[in-house]
N, C-alpha and C. Protein backbone atom coordinates (compact mmCIF):
# COMPACT_ATOMS: atom_id res chain seq x y z
N UNK A 1 0.85 -1.17 0.00
CA UNK A 1 0.00 0.00 0.00
C UNK A 1 0.90 1.23 0.00
N UNK A 2 0.55 2.20 -0.80
CA UNK A 2 1.36 3.42 -0.86
C UNK A 2 1.17 4.22 0.42
N UNK A 3 2.19 4.95 0.86
CA UNK A 3 2.08 5.71 2.11
C UNK A 3 0.90 6.68 2.12
N UNK A 4 0.55 7.26 0.97
CA UNK A 4 -0.56 8.21 0.95
C UNK A 4 -1.91 7.55 1.20
N UNK A 5 -2.00 6.23 1.01
CA UNK A 5 -3.25 5.52 1.23
C UNK A 5 -3.27 4.74 2.54
N UNK A 6 -2.16 4.75 3.27
CA UNK A 6 -2.06 4.02 4.53
C UNK A 6 -2.97 4.65 5.59
N UNK A 7 -3.75 3.83 6.26
CA UNK A 7 -4.61 4.31 7.33
C UNK A 7 -3.76 4.71 8.53
N UNK A 8 -3.92 5.92 9.06
CA UNK A 8 -3.12 6.31 10.23
C UNK A 8 -3.42 5.41 11.43
N UNK A 9 -2.43 5.12 12.20
CA UNK A 9 -2.57 4.34 13.43
C UNK A 9 -3.16 2.96 13.18
N UNK A 10 -2.85 2.36 12.05
CA UNK A 10 -3.45 1.07 11.74
C UNK A 10 -2.70 -0.12 12.32
N UNK A 11 -1.51 0.08 12.85
CA UNK A 11 -0.75 -1.03 13.41
C UNK A 11 -1.24 -1.42 14.79
N UNK A 12 -0.74 -2.53 15.25
CA UNK A 12 -1.08 -3.07 16.57
C UNK A 12 -0.04 -2.56 17.56
N UNK A 13 -0.46 -2.02 18.69
CA UNK A 13 0.43 -1.32 19.60
C UNK A 13 0.71 -2.05 20.91
N UNK A 14 0.29 -3.29 21.03
CA UNK A 14 0.49 -4.04 22.27
C UNK A 14 1.96 -4.39 22.47
N UNK A 15 2.40 -4.32 23.71
CA UNK A 15 3.72 -4.79 24.10
C UNK A 15 3.56 -5.57 25.41
N UNK A 16 4.06 -6.79 25.47
CA UNK A 16 3.91 -7.57 26.70
C UNK A 16 4.70 -6.99 27.87
N UNK A 17 5.56 -6.02 27.62
CA UNK A 17 6.37 -5.43 28.69
C UNK A 17 5.72 -4.20 29.31
N UNK A 18 4.61 -3.74 28.76
CA UNK A 18 3.91 -2.60 29.35
C UNK A 18 3.06 -3.08 30.52
N UNK A 19 3.11 -2.38 31.64
CA UNK A 19 2.30 -2.79 32.80
C UNK A 19 0.83 -2.42 32.62
N UNK A 20 -0.02 -3.09 33.34
CA UNK A 20 -1.44 -2.74 33.37
C UNK A 20 -2.24 -3.37 32.25
N UNK A 21 -3.48 -2.97 32.19
CA UNK A 21 -4.42 -3.50 31.21
C UNK A 21 -4.18 -2.87 29.85
N UNK A 22 -4.66 -3.55 28.81
CA UNK A 22 -4.49 -3.08 27.44
C UNK A 22 -5.79 -3.28 26.68
N UNK A 23 -6.13 -2.30 25.84
CA UNK A 23 -7.28 -2.39 24.94
C UNK A 23 -6.90 -1.69 23.65
N UNK A 24 -7.28 -2.30 22.53
CA UNK A 24 -7.11 -1.64 21.24
C UNK A 24 -8.25 -2.06 20.35
N UNK A 25 -8.70 -1.15 19.51
CA UNK A 25 -9.79 -1.46 18.61
C UNK A 25 -9.59 -0.82 17.25
N UNK A 26 -10.25 -1.37 16.26
CA UNK A 26 -10.19 -0.88 14.89
C UNK A 26 -11.62 -0.68 14.42
N UNK A 27 -11.86 0.41 13.72
CA UNK A 27 -13.21 0.78 13.27
C UNK A 27 -13.13 1.08 11.79
N UNK A 28 -14.01 0.48 11.03
CA UNK A 28 -14.06 0.71 9.59
C UNK A 28 -15.50 1.05 9.21
N UNK A 29 -15.65 2.07 8.42
CA UNK A 29 -16.98 2.44 7.93
C UNK A 29 -16.94 2.45 6.41
N UNK A 30 -17.91 1.82 5.81
CA UNK A 30 -18.04 1.79 4.36
C UNK A 30 -19.35 2.47 4.01
N UNK A 31 -19.28 3.45 3.13
CA UNK A 31 -20.46 4.17 2.69
C UNK A 31 -20.69 3.86 1.21
N UNK A 32 -21.93 3.53 0.90
CA UNK A 32 -22.33 3.26 -0.48
C UNK A 32 -23.23 4.40 -0.94
N UNK A 33 -22.64 5.47 -1.50
CA UNK A 33 -23.43 6.67 -1.80
C UNK A 33 -24.57 6.42 -2.78
N UNK A 34 -24.37 5.52 -3.74
CA UNK A 34 -25.43 5.27 -4.71
C UNK A 34 -26.66 4.63 -4.07
N UNK A 35 -26.47 3.99 -2.91
CA UNK A 35 -27.59 3.39 -2.18
C UNK A 35 -28.02 4.23 -0.98
N UNK A 36 -27.20 5.23 -0.63
CA UNK A 36 -27.49 6.04 0.55
C UNK A 36 -27.39 5.25 1.84
N UNK A 37 -26.51 4.24 1.87
CA UNK A 37 -26.37 3.36 3.03
C UNK A 37 -24.91 3.29 3.47
N UNK A 38 -24.73 2.98 4.74
CA UNK A 38 -23.40 2.74 5.30
C UNK A 38 -23.46 1.53 6.21
N UNK A 39 -22.32 0.89 6.40
CA UNK A 39 -22.20 -0.12 7.43
C UNK A 39 -20.84 0.04 8.08
N UNK A 40 -20.71 -0.45 9.30
CA UNK A 40 -19.45 -0.31 10.04
C UNK A 40 -19.07 -1.66 10.61
N UNK A 41 -17.76 -1.88 10.66
CA UNK A 41 -17.19 -3.07 11.25
C UNK A 41 -16.21 -2.63 12.32
N UNK A 42 -16.35 -3.19 13.52
CA UNK A 42 -15.44 -2.86 14.63
C UNK A 42 -14.86 -4.15 15.17
N UNK A 43 -13.57 -4.10 15.45
CA UNK A 43 -12.90 -5.25 16.04
C UNK A 43 -12.09 -4.74 17.22
N UNK A 44 -12.08 -5.48 18.32
CA UNK A 44 -11.31 -5.04 19.48
C UNK A 44 -10.66 -6.24 20.16
N UNK A 45 -9.57 -5.95 20.87
CA UNK A 45 -8.87 -6.95 21.66
C UNK A 45 -8.56 -6.32 23.02
N UNK A 46 -8.74 -7.10 24.07
CA UNK A 46 -8.50 -6.60 25.43
C UNK A 46 -7.66 -7.61 26.20
N UNK A 47 -6.65 -7.12 26.88
CA UNK A 47 -5.74 -7.95 27.67
C UNK A 47 -5.30 -9.20 26.89
N UNK A 48 -4.56 -8.99 25.77
CA UNK A 48 -4.24 -10.08 24.86
C UNK A 48 -3.24 -11.11 25.37
N UNK A 49 -2.63 -10.90 26.53
CA UNK A 49 -1.74 -11.94 27.06
C UNK A 49 -2.54 -13.13 27.57
N UNK A 50 -3.82 -12.94 27.82
CA UNK A 50 -4.68 -14.02 28.28
C UNK A 50 -4.60 -14.23 29.78
N UNK A 51 -5.50 -15.03 30.28
CA UNK A 51 -5.52 -15.36 31.69
C UNK A 51 -6.06 -14.27 32.60
N UNK A 52 -6.60 -13.21 32.03
CA UNK A 52 -7.18 -12.12 32.81
C UNK A 52 -8.71 -12.19 32.70
N UNK A 53 -9.43 -11.65 33.68
CA UNK A 53 -10.89 -11.71 33.62
C UNK A 53 -11.49 -11.06 32.37
N UNK A 54 -10.80 -10.04 31.84
CA UNK A 54 -11.33 -9.31 30.68
C UNK A 54 -10.65 -9.69 29.38
N UNK A 55 -9.79 -10.72 29.38
CA UNK A 55 -9.10 -11.11 28.15
C UNK A 55 -10.10 -11.58 27.10
N UNK A 56 -9.96 -11.06 25.90
CA UNK A 56 -10.83 -11.48 24.81
C UNK A 56 -10.91 -10.45 23.72
N UNK A 57 -11.67 -10.78 22.73
CA UNK A 57 -11.89 -9.88 21.61
C UNK A 57 -13.36 -9.82 21.29
N UNK A 58 -13.69 -8.93 20.38
CA UNK A 58 -15.08 -8.80 19.94
C UNK A 58 -15.10 -8.30 18.50
N UNK A 59 -16.02 -8.84 17.72
CA UNK A 59 -16.29 -8.34 16.37
C UNK A 59 -17.72 -7.82 16.38
N UNK A 60 -17.89 -6.61 15.84
CA UNK A 60 -19.21 -5.98 15.84
C UNK A 60 -19.49 -5.42 14.45
N UNK A 61 -20.74 -5.52 14.02
CA UNK A 61 -21.15 -4.97 12.73
C UNK A 61 -22.41 -4.15 12.95
N UNK A 62 -22.39 -2.92 12.47
CA UNK A 62 -23.58 -2.08 12.45
C UNK A 62 -24.05 -2.04 11.01
N UNK A 63 -25.15 -2.72 10.75
CA UNK A 63 -25.68 -2.86 9.40
C UNK A 63 -26.59 -1.70 9.07
N UNK A 64 -26.89 -1.51 7.78
CA UNK A 64 -27.89 -0.51 7.41
C UNK A 64 -29.19 -0.74 8.18
N UNK A 65 -29.88 0.33 8.47
CA UNK A 65 -31.10 0.25 9.24
C UNK A 65 -30.85 0.10 10.72
N UNK A 66 -29.64 0.45 11.17
CA UNK A 66 -29.25 0.37 12.59
C UNK A 66 -29.38 -1.03 13.18
N UNK A 67 -29.16 -2.03 12.39
CA UNK A 67 -29.14 -3.41 12.89
C UNK A 67 -27.74 -3.73 13.36
N UNK A 68 -27.64 -4.37 14.50
CA UNK A 68 -26.37 -4.58 15.18
C UNK A 68 -26.13 -6.07 15.40
N UNK A 69 -24.95 -6.52 15.02
CA UNK A 69 -24.53 -7.91 15.25
C UNK A 69 -23.21 -7.88 16.00
N UNK A 70 -22.96 -8.87 16.87
CA UNK A 70 -21.68 -8.95 17.56
C UNK A 70 -21.35 -10.39 17.88
N UNK A 71 -20.06 -10.62 18.06
CA UNK A 71 -19.57 -11.94 18.45
C UNK A 71 -18.39 -11.72 19.37
N UNK A 72 -18.43 -12.32 20.56
CA UNK A 72 -17.27 -12.25 21.44
C UNK A 72 -16.28 -13.35 21.05
N UNK A 73 -15.01 -13.09 21.31
CA UNK A 73 -13.93 -14.01 20.96
C UNK A 73 -13.07 -14.19 22.20
N UNK A 74 -13.43 -15.13 23.09
CA UNK A 74 -12.76 -15.22 24.38
C UNK A 74 -11.34 -15.78 24.32
N UNK A 75 -10.99 -16.51 23.28
CA UNK A 75 -9.66 -17.13 23.21
C UNK A 75 -8.67 -16.18 22.54
N UNK A 76 -7.95 -15.39 23.33
CA UNK A 76 -7.01 -14.42 22.77
C UNK A 76 -5.79 -15.08 22.14
N UNK A 77 -5.54 -16.34 22.43
CA UNK A 77 -4.36 -17.00 21.87
C UNK A 77 -4.49 -17.18 20.36
N UNK A 78 -5.69 -17.06 19.81
CA UNK A 78 -5.89 -17.15 18.37
C UNK A 78 -5.76 -15.82 17.66
N UNK A 79 -5.42 -14.75 18.38
CA UNK A 79 -5.35 -13.41 17.81
C UNK A 79 -3.95 -13.10 17.30
N UNK A 80 -3.88 -12.43 16.15
CA UNK A 80 -2.63 -11.95 15.59
C UNK A 80 -2.88 -10.61 14.89
N UNK A 81 -1.94 -9.68 15.00
CA UNK A 81 -2.02 -8.41 14.28
C UNK A 81 -0.62 -7.93 13.95
N UNK A 82 -0.49 -7.21 12.85
CA UNK A 82 0.79 -6.63 12.45
C UNK A 82 1.01 -5.32 13.20
N UNK A 83 2.24 -5.07 13.58
CA UNK A 83 2.56 -3.84 14.30
C UNK A 83 2.77 -2.65 13.40
N UNK A 84 2.91 -2.86 12.10
CA UNK A 84 3.26 -1.75 11.22
C UNK A 84 2.28 -1.54 10.07
N UNK A 85 1.12 -2.14 10.14
CA UNK A 85 0.14 -1.97 9.07
C UNK A 85 -1.19 -2.56 9.47
N UNK A 86 -2.12 -2.45 8.57
CA UNK A 86 -3.48 -2.91 8.83
C UNK A 86 -3.62 -4.38 8.44
N UNK A 87 -3.35 -5.25 9.41
CA UNK A 87 -3.47 -6.69 9.19
C UNK A 87 -3.77 -7.33 10.54
N UNK A 88 -4.89 -8.03 10.65
CA UNK A 88 -5.23 -8.73 11.88
C UNK A 88 -6.03 -9.97 11.57
N UNK A 89 -6.01 -10.90 12.53
CA UNK A 89 -6.68 -12.18 12.34
C UNK A 89 -7.01 -12.75 13.72
N UNK A 90 -8.08 -13.48 13.81
CA UNK A 90 -8.45 -14.16 15.05
C UNK A 90 -8.94 -15.54 14.66
N UNK A 91 -8.07 -16.53 14.79
CA UNK A 91 -8.38 -17.91 14.41
C UNK A 91 -8.90 -18.67 15.60
N UNK A 92 -9.85 -19.50 15.35
CA UNK A 92 -10.32 -20.41 16.40
C UNK A 92 -9.38 -21.60 16.44
N UNK A 93 -8.82 -21.84 17.59
CA UNK A 93 -7.91 -22.97 17.75
C UNK A 93 -8.70 -24.23 17.98
N UNK A 94 -8.29 -25.29 17.35
CA UNK A 94 -8.93 -26.59 17.57
C UNK A 94 -8.39 -27.17 18.87
N UNK A 95 -9.25 -27.68 19.71
CA UNK A 95 -8.79 -28.10 20.99
C UNK A 95 -9.01 -29.51 21.30
């Protein structure tokens, strides 16, 4: 991606050496002007080292017509994100 098209602050900022709790989220909005509609996708991760009461992730979608969908992702060990660009993934681990 060219630098002029890079989303600001799109990298993952977690460091296991920082003390205290951690939260990071990404928000994307897509507008379809020809339809007069928008939808948004939000993804978040909290306490990604795991083993904490609030450790987990969430995926949320705000659909046209203010319809809202969400899914919690309690297994943070399946989460991955790039520190220098917009790339993230949350795989379900087979157990």
